[in-house]
Amino acid sequence: HRSRRKKTETHTVVFLNGLLLSSHSLTTSHPPSLSPSTTDSSPSYLFAFLQEIEQSLASPASAQQQTVASPTAAAQQQQPQTLTGRFFRCLFADIFYSQLILISALVILLTLRGLLFTKSPNFHPKKWYTPLLSSVALSGLLSLSWQCLFLWNIAATAKATIILAPLLTFSVGIFLVIYGKTFVPGIGGPLILFSFAQAIHSWLFVTRRRREFTFTITALSTSVLPPRTRVIAVVSSILSVLYSSFLAAGIGGATATRKGLVDILFISLIMISLAWTMQVLKNVQVVAVSKAAYAHFANYDVINACDALCTTLRSQLGSVCIGSTLVPVFVVIRGMIRTINRGGNSSDWTMYASHGDCAWVANHMVLVGNRYGFVHVGVHNKGFVQASRDAWQEFRRTVGLEELVDADLTSSICFLSAFGIGAISALTAGIWEFNIHKDYFFQLTLYAFVIGYFVGRVSSAWLQACVMAYFVAYAANPEGVNFDNTISERIARQNVEENKRLADNEMRQPEEEQEITYM
């Protein structure tokens, strides 16, 4: 009886001290001495101990041969990464809120100083604000109209966007070159060149099959929108218009005083804040809508997009801010590498298979930050860098899917639509201001173009979110019942086109070598 009592007391001590004592102590008649290490009730110790017991019960023979790492080492390996990710998420969220407060205070001070306390004879508020604010409101109306047209006829709206965006950009460039003075034509010239680049890429290098595949995927991914998606899209567009108008008031206040570099610095800070805030607003919408769409494509679950939006704002804003900072930079750098690669008569397949310096940078940069990581941020509540890596590695597990996803035109269509909206806003504000007050027409053209572009990007975020969720859900389970053979057939066709291109290049190389030999 005494032996059983001692065993019971020992078992109680083991249980109360976090299950850290081995089962061997249950067979002894003396209670073990409790050290500081055994009284630690950390969850990591408990998890490691229970996992070890589970493995020993499942396979006793193999458990004796394996060397199990100590729980302390495992905790030391995992804890710094979790703390670091949490630190940066909280840091970026705090920076975002802080810049909102500081920029708002700066805008209010500049508006009061420029319009109430400083009277400038050369600045007329009605002549300055009316064209700019009208163009901002026009950009919101155009964005909402584009959404309605896209839902009505995807193919026709996308084709019109591809054709009209370069023409509108060219019109803005010509307007600045013809009527601008001093350095203004230096801004219009690059716009003209960029419009030519847009036209050449959209009209000549984008094949018909690639466009049709994009239209098909877009139609499939938007056939059943998550509940309240349209509400989020409309409210986001209205918020972008209101916030842009608020910042335009501060820009006008800084313009009214004309105090040299100080006001130029204030205007630059306001424009940088506008760009980052609009990116965050767009990507918050992407995370929320893609989470709801992914649930439908993966499991036929129905998630309210507004509920997903509340979750994003409450617990995932830091990751969204990190992604909003990294993705635009990485997209520009990777786009330049792809352009250089295309200039050498190569394709994206060559870049993926190459180990050169630029190709290596492009292939590893996409693992650090890509737009598809926002889907994993919303669905799995991961940090943005880890979410980007996991999402892209899922694409690489299916042969040909990485190249197919990278060649998708949805992001290009959204970009061109935003560029077209910005160009229309710029022409509206610039021509209006040129007729009533020529001194400020260039500034208003530039501000209206930037604001219109970001308003257009915010309004098209829901479309990009649905397409990204479709691709990520397919990569996670290609055999899902919610997917047809559209992607698999396109991958097979893509392989045939690449093999044909490689065969043509092999035929050209001997001919070129022969010509060089005879010369």
Protein backbone atom coordinates (compact mmCIF):
# COMPACT_ATOMS: atom_id res chain seq x y z
CA HIS A 1 0.00 0.00 0.00
CA ARG A 2 2.85 2.39 0.83
CA SER A 3 4.53 1.61 -2.49
CA ARG A 4 1.35 2.37 -4.41
CA ARG A 5 0.93 5.61 -2.47
CA LYS A 6 4.44 6.73 -3.37
CA LYS A 7 3.80 5.91 -7.01
CA THR A 8 0.60 7.95 -6.97
CA GLU A 9 2.35 10.91 -5.37
CA THR A 10 5.11 10.69 -7.96
CA HIS A 11 2.58 10.62 -10.78
CA THR A 12 0.86 13.70 -9.30
CA VAL A 13 4.14 15.58 -9.06
CA VAL A 14 4.96 14.74 -12.66
CA PHE A 15 1.56 15.95 -13.86
CA LEU A 16 1.66 19.17 -11.87
CA ASN A 17 5.13 20.02 -13.12
CA GLY A 18 4.21 20.17 -16.79
CA LEU A 19 4.59 16.47 -17.74
CA LEU A 20 8.33 16.91 -17.99
CA LEU A 21 9.40 13.87 -15.99
CA SER A 22 9.96 10.57 -17.71
CA SER A 23 7.69 7.61 -17.17
CA HIS A 24 10.60 5.80 -15.53
CA SER A 25 9.99 7.73 -12.31
CA LEU A 26 6.62 5.99 -11.95
CA THR A 27 8.37 2.67 -11.27
CA THR A 28 10.58 3.96 -8.46
CA SER A 29 9.58 4.21 -4.83
CA HIS A 30 11.27 7.56 -4.16
CA PRO A 31 9.90 10.82 -5.51
CA PRO A 32 12.38 12.52 -7.81
CA SER A 33 14.06 15.76 -6.93
CA LEU A 34 12.63 18.74 -8.76
CA SER A 35 15.16 20.89 -10.54
CA PRO A 36 14.43 24.31 -12.01
CA SER A 37 14.44 22.81 -15.50
CA THR A 38 11.74 20.28 -14.63
CA THR A 39 9.40 22.86 -13.22
CA ASP A 40 9.31 24.87 -16.45
CA SER A 41 5.78 24.77 -17.83
CA SER A 42 6.63 26.17 -21.26
CA PRO A 43 4.33 24.91 -24.05
CA SER A 44 7.36 24.04 -26.17
CA TYR A 45 8.59 21.58 -23.51
CA LEU A 46 5.16 20.03 -23.22
CA PHE A 47 4.77 19.74 -27.01
CA ALA A 48 8.20 18.17 -27.46
CA PHE A 49 7.62 15.70 -24.61
CA LEU A 50 4.20 14.62 -25.88
CA GLN A 51 5.53 14.29 -29.42
CA GLU A 52 8.36 12.05 -28.13
CA ILE A 53 5.90 9.83 -26.27
CA GLU A 54 3.70 9.58 -29.37
CA GLN A 55 6.62 8.52 -31.53
CA SER A 56 7.80 5.93 -29.00
CA LEU A 57 4.33 4.39 -28.76
CA ALA A 58 3.91 4.33 -32.54
CA SER A 59 7.26 2.72 -33.37
CA PRO A 60 9.31 1.64 -30.34
CA ALA A 61 12.04 0.08 -32.41
CA SER A 62 12.68 3.14 -34.53
CA ALA A 63 12.35 5.48 -31.58
CA GLN A 64 15.32 3.88 -29.88
CA GLN A 65 17.53 4.51 -32.92
CA GLN A 66 16.54 8.15 -33.45
CA THR A 67 18.21 10.92 -31.57
CA VAL A 68 15.61 13.42 -30.49
CA ALA A 69 16.71 17.02 -30.26
CA SER A 70 16.22 18.74 -26.96
CA PRO A 71 13.14 20.94 -26.56
CA THR A 72 15.34 23.87 -25.64
CA ALA A 73 17.17 23.76 -28.99
CA ALA A 74 13.90 23.54 -30.90
CA ALA A 75 12.52 26.50 -29.01
CA GLN A 76 15.65 28.51 -29.71
CA GLN A 77 15.38 27.77 -33.44
CA GLN A 78 11.71 28.73 -33.80
CA GLN A 79 11.24 31.54 -31.33
CA PRO A 80 13.57 34.18 -32.91
CA GLN A 81 11.87 33.80 -36.32
CA THR A 82 8.42 34.23 -34.81
CA LEU A 83 9.51 37.20 -32.73
CA THR A 84 11.29 38.81 -35.68
CA GLY A 85 8.29 38.43 -37.98
CA ARG A 86 5.94 39.74 -35.31
CA PHE A 87 8.26 42.67 -34.64
CA PHE A 88 8.40 43.75 -38.28
CA ARG A 89 4.65 43.34 -38.75
CA CYS A 90 3.97 45.52 -35.72
CA LEU A 91 6.66 47.98 -36.82
CA PHE A 92 5.23 48.47 -40.31
CA ALA A 93 1.68 48.75 -38.97
CA ASP A 94 2.81 51.43 -36.50
CA ILE A 95 4.71 53.27 -39.24
CA PHE A 96 1.60 53.21 -41.44
CA TYR A 97 -0.67 54.64 -38.75
CA SER A 98 1.96 57.20 -37.72
CA GLN A 99 2.43 58.49 -41.25
CA LEU A 100 -1.34 58.78 -41.65
CA ILE A 101 -1.56 60.95 -38.54
CA LEU A 102 1.50 63.06 -39.39
CA ILE A 103 0.53 63.60 -43.02
CA SER A 104 -3.02 64.53 -42.00
CA ALA A 105 -1.67 67.10 -39.56
CA LEU A 106 0.73 68.43 -42.21
CA VAL A 107 -2.06 68.74 -44.78
CA ILE A 108 -4.27 70.65 -42.36
CA LEU A 109 -1.45 73.03 -41.43
CA LEU A 110 -0.47 73.63 -45.06
CA THR A 111 -4.08 74.25 -46.07
CA LEU A 112 -4.66 76.74 -43.26
CA ARG A 113 -1.35 78.49 -43.89
CA GLY A 114 -1.77 78.75 -47.64
CA LEU A 115 -5.43 79.66 -47.89
CA LEU A 116 -6.21 81.59 -44.70
CA PHE A 117 -3.04 83.17 -43.33
CA THR A 118 -1.06 83.78 -46.51
CA LYS A 119 -2.58 85.73 -49.38
CA SER A 120 -0.70 85.20 -52.62
CA PRO A 121 -1.64 87.44 -55.58
CA ASN A 122 -0.53 84.78 -58.09
CA PHE A 123 -2.50 81.91 -56.57
CA HIS A 124 -6.24 81.69 -57.14
CA PRO A 125 -7.79 78.84 -55.13
CA LYS A 126 -10.87 78.47 -57.33
CA LYS A 127 -8.78 78.27 -60.50
CA TRP A 128 -6.39 75.78 -58.91
CA TYR A 129 -8.69 73.50 -56.94
CA THR A 130 -11.66 73.27 -59.31
CA PRO A 131 -9.85 71.48 -62.20
CA LEU A 132 -7.88 69.18 -59.90
CA LEU A 133 -10.77 68.12 -57.67
CA SER A 134 -13.00 67.68 -60.71
CA SER A 135 -10.45 65.39 -62.32
CA VAL A 136 -10.18 63.38 -59.07
CA ALA A 137 -13.96 62.93 -59.00
CA LEU A 138 -13.87 61.97 -62.69
CA SER A 139 -11.28 59.28 -61.96
CA GLY A 140 -13.62 57.77 -59.37
CA LEU A 141 -16.53 57.74 -61.83
CA LEU A 142 -14.35 56.21 -64.54
CA SER A 143 -13.15 53.52 -62.14
CA LEU A 144 -16.68 52.53 -61.17
CA SER A 145 -17.75 52.59 -64.83
CA TRP A 146 -14.85 50.34 -65.77
CA GLN A 147 -15.90 47.82 -63.12
CA CYS A 148 -19.46 47.75 -64.47
CA LEU A 149 -18.28 47.33 -68.06
CA PHE A 150 -15.88 44.58 -67.06
CA LEU A 151 -18.59 42.60 -65.30
CA TRP A 152 -20.86 43.08 -68.32
CA ASN A 153 -18.36 42.00 -71.01
CA ILE A 154 -14.90 40.89 -69.91
CA ALA A 155 -13.33 40.34 -73.33
CA ALA A 156 -14.56 43.57 -74.94
CA THR A 157 -13.58 45.71 -71.93
CA ALA A 158 -10.12 44.14 -71.72
CA LYS A 159 -9.50 44.60 -75.47
CA ALA A 160 -10.62 48.23 -75.29
CA THR A 161 -8.28 48.78 -72.33
CA ILE A 162 -5.32 47.28 -74.20
CA ILE A 163 -5.97 49.48 -77.24
CA LEU A 164 -6.93 52.78 -75.59
CA ALA A 165 -4.40 53.00 -72.73
CA PRO A 166 -1.33 53.56 -74.97
CA LEU A 167 -3.25 56.11 -77.06
CA LEU A 168 -4.32 58.08 -73.99
CA THR A 169 -0.80 58.01 -72.56
CA PHE A 170 0.54 59.25 -75.90
CA SER A 171 -2.00 62.11 -75.83
CA VAL A 172 -0.78 63.28 -72.42
CA GLY A 173 2.82 63.21 -73.61
CA ILE A 174 2.04 65.19 -76.76
CA PHE A 175 0.08 67.75 -74.71
CA LEU A 176 3.02 68.34 -72.39
CA VAL A 177 5.56 68.52 -75.23
CA ILE A 178 3.57 71.00 -77.32
CA TYR A 179 2.39 73.40 -74.61
CA GLY A 180 5.05 72.94 -71.95
CA LYS A 181 8.00 75.20 -71.28
CA THR A 182 11.53 74.66 -69.92
CA PHE A 183 11.68 71.16 -68.39
CA VAL A 184 8.04 70.21 -69.06
CA PRO A 185 8.78 68.57 -72.47
CA GLY A 186 11.34 66.46 -70.62
CA ILE A 187 8.42 64.84 -68.80
CA GLY A 188 6.24 64.52 -71.90
CA GLY A 189 8.98 62.81 -73.92
CA PRO A 190 9.30 59.78 -71.63
CA LEU A 191 5.53 59.46 -71.58
CA ILE A 192 5.51 59.27 -75.38
CA LEU A 193 8.23 56.62 -75.33
CA PHE A 194 6.38 54.69 -72.64
CA SER A 195 3.18 54.79 -74.71
CA PHE A 196 5.09 53.30 -77.65
CA ALA A 197 6.43 50.57 -75.37
CA GLN A 198 2.90 49.86 -74.14
CA ALA A 199 1.58 49.65 -77.70
CA ILE A 200 4.38 47.42 -78.97
CA HIS A 201 4.04 45.01 -76.07
CA SER A 202 0.23 44.94 -76.01
CA TRP A 203 -0.47 44.96 -79.72
CA LEU A 204 2.43 42.93 -81.14
CA PHE A 205 4.06 40.66 -78.54
CA VAL A 206 0.94 39.48 -76.72
CA THR A 207 -0.40 36.52 -78.67
CA ARG A 208 -4.08 35.85 -79.30
CA ARG A 209 -3.99 32.57 -77.34
CA ARG A 210 -2.50 34.34 -74.35
CA ARG A 211 -5.24 36.98 -74.41
CA GLU A 212 -8.00 34.40 -74.78
CA PHE A 213 -6.60 32.33 -71.92
CA THR A 214 -6.55 35.42 -69.68
CA PHE A 215 -10.13 36.23 -70.59
CA THR A 216 -11.19 32.64 -69.83
CA ILE A 217 -9.44 32.54 -66.45
CA THR A 218 -10.88 35.93 -65.55
CA ALA A 219 -14.38 34.76 -66.43
CA LEU A 220 -13.96 31.57 -64.38
CA SER A 221 -12.55 33.36 -61.34
CA THR A 222 -15.23 36.06 -61.32
CA SER A 223 -18.20 33.86 -62.20
CA VAL A 224 -19.20 33.60 -58.53
CA LEU A 225 -18.02 36.59 -56.52
CA PRO A 226 -17.83 36.30 -52.73
CA PRO A 227 -20.67 38.07 -50.90
CA ARG A 228 -20.21 41.84 -50.42
CA THR A 229 -17.30 42.02 -52.87
CA ARG A 230 -18.92 44.78 -54.91
CA VAL A 231 -19.61 46.74 -51.72
CA ILE A 232 -15.92 46.60 -50.78
CA ALA A 233 -14.88 47.65 -54.30
CA VAL A 234 -17.23 50.63 -54.38
CA VAL A 235 -16.40 51.79 -50.85
CA SER A 236 -12.66 51.47 -51.54
CA SER A 237 -13.00 53.60 -54.68
CA ILE A 238 -14.92 56.27 -52.76
CA LEU A 239 -12.35 56.27 -49.95
CA SER A 240 -9.49 56.63 -52.44
CA VAL A 241 -11.22 59.63 -54.05
CA LEU A 242 -11.92 61.32 -50.70
CA TYR A 243 -8.41 60.74 -49.36
CA SER A 244 -6.84 62.00 -52.60
CA SER A 245 -8.99 65.12 -52.46
CA PHE A 246 -7.90 65.70 -48.88
CA LEU A 247 -4.23 65.47 -49.81
CA ALA A 248 -4.82 67.72 -52.83
CA ALA A 249 -5.94 70.43 -50.39
CA GLY A 250 -2.55 70.26 -48.67
CA ILE A 251 -0.70 70.33 -51.99
CA GLY A 252 -2.64 73.47 -52.92
CA GLY A 253 -1.76 75.08 -49.60
CA ALA A 254 1.94 74.39 -50.15
CA THR A 255 1.71 75.71 -53.72
CA ALA A 256 0.08 78.96 -52.56
CA THR A 257 3.04 80.05 -50.42
CA ARG A 258 5.86 79.28 -52.91
CA LYS A 259 8.64 79.12 -50.31
CA GLY A 260 11.09 77.16 -52.40
CA LEU A 261 12.57 73.85 -51.34
CA VAL A 262 10.59 73.57 -48.12
CA ASP A 263 7.26 73.44 -49.91
CA ILE A 264 8.69 71.13 -52.57
CA LEU A 265 9.73 68.80 -49.75
CA PHE A 266 6.25 68.94 -48.23
CA ILE A 267 4.61 68.17 -51.57
CA SER A 268 7.02 65.26 -52.14
CA LEU A 269 6.18 63.81 -48.73
CA ILE A 270 2.47 64.09 -49.45
CA MET A 271 2.85 62.33 -52.81
CA ILE A 272 4.93 59.51 -51.27
CA SER A 273 2.33 59.08 -48.55
CA LEU A 274 -0.40 59.00 -51.20
CA ALA A 275 1.37 56.27 -53.14
CA TRP A 276 2.00 54.02 -50.13
CA THR A 277 -1.45 54.54 -48.61
CA MET A 278 -3.11 53.70 -51.92
CA GLN A 279 -0.98 50.57 -52.22
CA VAL A 280 -1.99 49.48 -48.72
CA LEU A 281 -5.66 50.21 -49.44
CA LYS A 282 -5.46 48.17 -52.64
CA ASN A 283 -3.69 45.23 -51.01
CA VAL A 284 -6.00 45.15 -47.99
CA GLN A 285 -8.80 44.67 -50.48
CA VAL A 286 -6.75 41.98 -52.28
CA VAL A 287 -6.14 40.02 -49.06
CA ALA A 288 -9.80 40.14 -48.00
CA VAL A 289 -11.35 39.28 -51.37
CA SER A 290 -8.77 36.60 -52.21
CA LYS A 291 -9.37 34.90 -48.87
CA ALA A 292 -13.10 34.67 -49.54
CA ALA A 293 -12.56 33.59 -53.16
CA TYR A 294 -9.98 30.95 -52.17
CA ALA A 295 -12.46 29.41 -49.74
CA HIS A 296 -14.94 29.03 -52.59
CA PHE A 297 -12.47 27.58 -55.10
CA ALA A 298 -10.83 25.20 -52.62
CA ASN A 299 -13.74 23.96 -50.51
CA TYR A 300 -16.94 25.56 -51.83
CA ASP A 301 -17.11 27.48 -48.56
CA VAL A 302 -18.88 30.84 -48.44
CA ILE A 303 -17.07 33.64 -46.59
CA ASN A 304 -18.38 37.15 -46.41
CA ALA A 305 -15.78 39.49 -47.90
CA CYS A 306 -16.59 42.14 -45.28
CA ASP A 307 -15.78 39.66 -42.48
CA ALA A 308 -12.49 38.85 -44.20
CA LEU A 309 -11.80 42.58 -44.48
CA CYS A 310 -12.32 43.10 -40.75
CA THR A 311 -9.93 40.23 -40.00
CA THR A 312 -7.34 41.71 -42.34
CA LEU A 313 -7.49 45.14 -40.74
CA ARG A 314 -7.36 43.67 -37.25
CA SER A 315 -4.53 41.15 -37.49
CA GLN A 316 -2.84 41.25 -40.92
CA LEU A 317 -2.27 44.92 -41.64
CA GLY A 318 1.45 44.69 -40.83
CA SER A 319 2.02 41.97 -43.43
CA VAL A 320 0.02 43.98 -45.97
CA CYS A 321 2.20 47.05 -45.31
CA ILE A 322 5.37 44.99 -45.80
CA GLY A 323 4.05 43.58 -49.06
CA SER A 324 2.94 47.00 -50.25
CA THR A 325 6.52 48.18 -49.80
CA LEU A 326 8.34 45.21 -51.35
CA VAL A 327 6.14 44.19 -54.27
CA PRO A 328 6.28 47.45 -56.33
CA VAL A 329 10.08 47.54 -56.08
CA PHE A 330 10.48 43.87 -56.96
CA VAL A 331 8.01 44.12 -59.85
CA VAL A 332 10.01 46.95 -61.44
CA ILE A 333 13.37 45.19 -61.03
CA ARG A 334 12.07 41.85 -62.23
CA GLY A 335 10.29 43.50 -65.16
CA MET A 336 13.56 45.08 -66.26
CA ILE A 337 15.31 41.70 -66.07
CA ARG A 338 12.57 40.08 -68.14
CA THR A 339 12.79 42.88 -70.71
CA ILE A 340 16.55 42.41 -71.03
CA ASN A 341 16.03 38.67 -71.34
CA ARG A 342 13.45 39.16 -74.08
CA GLY A 343 15.81 41.53 -75.88
CA GLY A 344 18.33 38.70 -76.22
CA ASN A 345 15.84 36.60 -78.25
CA SER A 346 15.09 34.46 -75.21
CA SER A 347 11.87 33.67 -73.40
CA ASP A 348 10.84 33.52 -69.77
CA TRP A 349 11.56 29.78 -69.81
CA THR A 350 15.21 30.58 -70.41
CA MET A 351 15.20 32.90 -67.41
CA TYR A 352 13.68 30.23 -65.15
CA ALA A 353 16.22 27.61 -66.23
CA SER A 354 19.24 29.94 -66.24
CA HIS A 355 21.73 30.36 -63.39
CA GLY A 356 23.20 33.64 -64.58
CA ASP A 357 23.45 36.70 -62.41
CA CYS A 358 20.30 38.51 -63.57
CA ALA A 359 18.26 35.31 -63.88
CA TRP A 360 19.36 34.19 -60.42
CA VAL A 361 18.29 37.55 -58.97
CA ALA A 362 14.90 37.35 -60.69
CA ASN A 363 14.25 33.75 -59.67
CA HIS A 364 15.11 34.37 -56.01
CA MET A 365 13.52 37.81 -55.79
CA VAL A 366 10.12 36.37 -56.62
CA LEU A 367 10.43 34.06 -53.60
CA VAL A 368 10.96 36.99 -51.26
CA GLY A 369 8.02 39.06 -52.45
CA ASN A 370 5.27 38.50 -55.03
CA ARG A 371 1.63 39.53 -55.25
CA TYR A 372 0.39 35.95 -54.81
CA GLY A 373 1.76 36.00 -51.28
CA PHE A 374 -1.20 38.17 -50.30
CA VAL A 375 -3.46 35.14 -50.81
CA HIS A 376 -1.52 33.10 -48.25
CA VAL A 377 -1.46 36.09 -45.91
CA GLY A 378 -5.24 36.10 -45.85
CA VAL A 379 -5.88 32.36 -45.96
CA HIS A 380 -3.12 31.08 -43.66
CA ASN A 381 -2.31 34.25 -41.66
CA LYS A 382 1.39 34.05 -42.55
CA GLY A 383 4.02 36.75 -42.71
CA PHE A 384 4.34 38.23 -46.17
CA VAL A 385 7.82 36.89 -47.01
CA GLN A 386 6.95 33.35 -45.92
CA ALA A 387 3.60 33.59 -47.69
CA SER A 388 5.29 34.67 -50.94
CA ARG A 389 7.78 31.81 -50.75
CA ASP A 390 5.12 29.18 -50.05
CA ALA A 391 2.79 30.43 -52.77
CA TRP A 392 5.48 30.46 -55.46
CA GLN A 393 6.88 27.08 -54.44
CA GLU A 394 3.40 25.65 -54.90
CA PHE A 395 3.47 26.98 -58.46
CA ARG A 396 6.83 25.30 -59.06
CA ARG A 397 5.53 21.92 -57.91
CA THR A 398 3.28 21.73 -60.99
CA VAL A 399 5.34 21.62 -64.19
CA GLY A 400 4.66 24.64 -66.38
CA LEU A 401 2.42 26.43 -63.88
CA GLU A 402 5.06 28.94 -62.82
CA GLU A 403 5.56 30.13 -66.39
CA LEU A 404 1.81 30.23 -66.97
CA VAL A 405 1.15 32.31 -63.84
CA ASP A 406 3.98 34.68 -64.66
CA ALA A 407 2.58 35.21 -68.16
CA ASP A 408 -0.94 36.02 -66.94
CA LEU A 409 -2.23 39.32 -68.34
CA THR A 410 -4.65 40.21 -65.55
CA SER A 411 -2.17 42.45 -63.74
CA SER A 412 -1.23 44.09 -67.05
CA ILE A 413 -4.89 44.79 -67.83
CA CYS A 414 -5.42 46.32 -64.38
CA PHE A 415 -2.25 48.39 -64.83
CA LEU A 416 -3.30 49.63 -68.27
CA SER A 417 -6.79 50.48 -67.08
CA ALA A 418 -5.35 52.54 -64.23
CA PHE A 419 -2.95 54.23 -66.64
CA GLY A 420 -5.83 55.07 -68.97
CA ILE A 421 -7.88 56.52 -66.10
CA GLY A 422 -4.89 58.57 -64.99
CA ALA A 423 -4.37 59.86 -68.52
CA ILE A 424 -8.00 60.97 -68.87
CA SER A 425 -7.83 62.72 -65.49
CA ALA A 426 -4.57 64.41 -66.48
CA LEU A 427 -5.98 65.67 -69.77
CA THR A 428 -9.10 66.96 -68.01
CA ALA A 429 -7.20 68.90 -65.35
CA GLY A 430 -4.39 70.02 -67.67
CA ILE A 431 -6.54 71.37 -70.52
CA TRP A 432 -8.93 73.03 -68.09
CA GLU A 433 -6.12 74.73 -66.17
CA PHE A 434 -4.31 75.69 -69.39
CA ASN A 435 -7.36 77.65 -70.52
CA ILE A 436 -7.87 79.56 -67.27
CA HIS A 437 -4.38 79.79 -65.69
CA LYS A 438 -1.37 78.62 -67.67
CA ASP A 439 1.17 78.88 -64.86
CA TYR A 440 -0.03 75.76 -63.05
CA PHE A 441 -1.22 73.51 -65.87
CA PHE A 442 1.83 71.21 -65.71
CA GLN A 443 1.54 70.66 -61.96
CA LEU A 444 -2.16 69.89 -62.15
CA THR A 445 -1.62 67.54 -65.08
CA LEU A 446 0.98 65.62 -63.09
CA TYR A 447 -1.04 65.49 -59.87
CA ALA A 448 -4.21 64.43 -61.67
CA PHE A 449 -2.33 61.69 -63.54
CA VAL A 450 -0.83 60.19 -60.36
CA ILE A 451 -4.08 60.40 -58.40
CA GLY A 452 -6.13 58.96 -61.26
CA TYR A 453 -3.69 56.08 -61.64
CA PHE A 454 -3.89 55.05 -57.98
CA VAL A 455 -7.67 55.42 -57.87
CA GLY A 456 -7.84 53.08 -60.87
CA ARG A 457 -5.53 50.57 -59.19
CA VAL A 458 -7.66 50.52 -56.05
CA SER A 459 -10.86 50.02 -58.04
CA SER A 460 -9.49 46.98 -59.95
CA ALA A 461 -8.03 45.21 -56.89
CA TRP A 462 -11.01 42.86 -56.51
CA LEU A 463 -10.48 41.50 -60.03
CA GLN A 464 -6.83 40.76 -59.46
CA ALA A 465 -7.65 39.17 -56.09
CA CYS A 466 -10.12 36.71 -57.63
CA VAL A 467 -7.67 35.62 -60.34
CA MET A 468 -4.82 35.21 -57.85
CA ALA A 469 -7.03 33.14 -55.53
CA TYR A 470 -7.98 30.91 -58.48
CA PHE A 471 -4.34 30.21 -59.38
CA VAL A 472 -3.26 29.61 -55.77
CA ALA A 473 -6.19 27.27 -55.11
CA TYR A 474 -5.39 25.35 -58.31
CA ALA A 475 -1.72 25.04 -57.31
CA ALA A 476 -2.73 23.65 -53.91
CA ASN A 477 -5.04 21.02 -55.44
CA PRO A 478 -4.99 20.73 -59.25
CA GLU A 479 -7.44 17.83 -59.10
CA GLY A 480 -10.09 19.83 -57.28
CA VAL A 481 -13.66 19.47 -58.47
CA ASN A 482 -13.93 23.24 -58.92
CA PHE A 483 -11.36 23.29 -61.75
CA ASP A 484 -11.74 22.21 -65.35
CA ASN A 485 -9.00 21.40 -67.87
CA THR A 486 -8.40 25.04 -68.93
CA ILE A 487 -5.06 25.41 -67.12
CA SER A 488 -3.78 21.91 -67.95
CA GLU A 489 -4.55 22.35 -71.66
CA ARG A 490 -2.87 25.75 -71.70
CA ILE A 491 0.24 24.31 -70.02
CA ALA A 492 0.41 21.57 -72.67
CA ARG A 493 0.01 24.15 -75.44
CA GLN A 494 2.65 26.31 -73.79
CA ASN A 495 5.12 23.42 -73.82
CA VAL A 496 4.47 22.88 -77.53
CA GLU A 497 5.07 26.57 -78.30
CA GLU A 498 8.31 26.62 -76.32
CA ASN A 499 9.64 23.48 -78.03
CA LYS A 500 8.82 25.03 -81.40
CA ARG A 501 10.66 28.22 -80.46
CA LEU A 502 13.72 26.26 -79.36
CA ALA A 503 13.69 24.28 -82.61
CA ASP A 504 13.54 27.50 -84.65
CA ASN A 505 16.49 28.93 -82.73
CA GLU A 506 18.52 25.78 -83.34
CA MET A 507 17.83 26.06 -87.07
CA ARG A 508 18.91 29.73 -87.16
CA GLN A 509 22.20 29.21 -85.33
CA PRO A 510 23.87 26.97 -87.98
CA GLU A 511 22.84 29.41 -90.73
CA GLU A 512 24.40 32.35 -88.87
CA GLU A 513 27.62 30.37 -88.25
CA GLN A 514 27.76 29.47 -91.94
CA GLU A 515 27.43 33.09 -93.00
CA ILE A 516 30.17 34.17 -90.62
CA THR A 517 32.45 31.41 -91.96
CA TYR A 518 32.03 32.44 -95.59
CA MET A 519 32.62 36.08 -94.74
